Amino acid sequence: MPGATLCFIPDITKGNRDGLQATGQTAEDGSFTLQTYPHGDGAMVGSYKVICIVFGGIAIPQKYRNPTQTPLAVDVKEPGADHLVFILTD
C-alpha cells in the first residue's frame, strides 16, 4: 500500500517501557524505512504494536489505526533486521 504511514509503538505489555516510537512511510511498492527520533534509521530493539495511517482515498479498517486494537505486532530482535511484511485484512 503506497503512501501509508506506519508507526511502531512500544508495547509496554511486553516490557518495552523504554523504547521510542519509530515511523516510516511506504513507497510505491509498499516498502518502507523506519526512523526513530532522535536516533535516526531503524527501530530500537523491543516489542511494538504497529498502526497504519493512510490519508486520502484509501479506507482501511479502524483496528489498524488504533494501538489498542491493532492485530499487527513485531519483535525487533536486533539492529538492522528487515524483511517485515504486514498484511491488512478486513
Protein backbone atom coordinates (compact mmCIF):
# COMPACT_ATOMS: atom_id res chain seq x y z
CA MET A 1 0.00 0.00 0.00
CA PRO A 2 1.80 3.15 -1.13
CA GLY A 3 1.67 6.36 0.89
CA ALA A 4 0.79 4.81 4.24
CA THR A 5 2.45 5.91 7.46
CA LEU A 6 3.50 3.06 9.72
CA CYS A 7 4.04 3.73 13.41
CA PHE A 8 5.85 1.23 15.61
CA ILE A 9 4.58 1.99 19.12
CA PRO A 10 6.48 0.44 22.05
CA ASP A 11 4.40 -2.38 23.57
CA ILE A 12 4.59 -1.82 27.32
CA THR A 13 2.56 -5.00 27.92
CA LYS A 14 5.58 -6.91 26.62
CA GLY A 15 8.11 -4.93 28.65
CA ASN A 16 9.10 -2.29 26.09
CA ARG A 17 8.84 0.62 28.53
CA ASP A 18 11.97 2.47 27.42
CA GLY A 19 11.51 2.19 23.66
CA LEU A 20 10.88 5.06 21.32
CA GLN A 21 8.27 5.18 18.57
CA ALA A 22 9.57 4.58 15.06
CA THR A 23 7.75 5.81 11.95
CA GLY A 24 8.06 5.45 8.22
CA GLN A 25 6.11 5.99 5.03
CA THR A 26 5.53 3.29 2.45
CA ALA A 27 6.91 3.75 -1.05
CA GLU A 28 5.03 2.98 -4.28
CA ASP A 29 5.98 -0.72 -3.98
CA GLY A 30 4.91 -0.90 -0.31
CA SER A 31 8.45 -0.96 1.07
CA PHE A 32 9.33 1.31 3.98
CA THR A 33 12.24 2.55 6.07
CA LEU A 34 11.74 3.46 9.70
CA GLN A 35 13.15 6.43 11.57
CA THR A 36 13.43 6.79 15.35
CA TYR A 37 13.84 10.33 16.60
CA PRO A 38 16.48 11.36 17.65
CA HIS A 39 18.46 8.19 16.83
CA GLY A 40 17.97 8.02 13.05
CA ASP A 41 17.34 4.97 10.86
CA GLY A 42 15.50 1.92 12.14
CA ALA A 43 13.64 0.89 15.26
CA MET A 44 15.20 0.12 18.62
CA VAL A 45 15.25 -3.49 19.84
CA GLY A 46 11.95 -4.37 21.55
CA SER A 47 8.29 -5.30 21.08
CA TYR A 48 5.97 -2.99 19.15
CA LYS A 49 2.34 -2.63 18.19
CA VAL A 50 2.07 -1.38 14.61
CA ILE A 51 -0.54 1.04 13.35
CA CYS A 52 -1.14 2.16 9.79
CA ILE A 53 -2.43 5.60 8.87
CA VAL A 54 -3.49 6.48 5.33
CA PHE A 55 -4.54 9.93 4.23
CA GLY A 56 -6.90 10.40 1.31
CA GLY A 57 -8.61 7.87 -0.87
CA ILE A 58 -7.81 4.54 0.76
CA ALA A 59 -10.05 3.30 3.55
CA ILE A 60 -8.59 0.82 5.99
CA PRO A 61 -10.35 -0.78 8.95
CA GLN A 62 -10.25 1.22 12.21
CA LYS A 63 -8.43 -1.59 14.04
CA TYR A 64 -5.24 -0.85 12.07
CA ARG A 65 -5.30 2.80 13.14
CA ASN A 66 -5.73 2.21 16.86
CA PRO A 67 -2.81 0.98 19.02
CA THR A 68 -5.18 -0.75 21.46
CA GLN A 69 -6.97 -2.67 18.68
CA THR A 70 -4.31 -3.39 16.07
CA PRO A 71 -3.54 -7.05 15.44
CA LEU A 72 -0.19 -6.02 13.94
CA ALA A 73 2.81 -6.56 16.19
CA VAL A 74 6.52 -7.12 15.76
CA ASP A 75 9.51 -8.01 17.91
CA VAL A 76 12.66 -6.23 16.76
CA LYS A 77 15.37 -8.56 17.99
CA GLU A 78 18.47 -7.00 16.51
CA PRO A 79 19.51 -3.74 14.86
CA GLY A 80 19.34 -3.83 11.09
CA ALA A 81 16.68 -6.55 10.91
CA ASP A 82 14.47 -6.19 7.86
CA HIS A 83 12.04 -8.04 5.61
CA LEU A 84 8.93 -7.28 7.62
CA VAL A 85 5.66 -7.88 5.79
CA PHE A 86 2.31 -6.69 7.10
CA ILE A 87 -0.96 -7.87 5.56
CA LEU A 88 -4.11 -5.88 6.24
CA THR A 89 -7.38 -7.80 6.12
CA ASP A 90 -10.96 -6.86 6.96
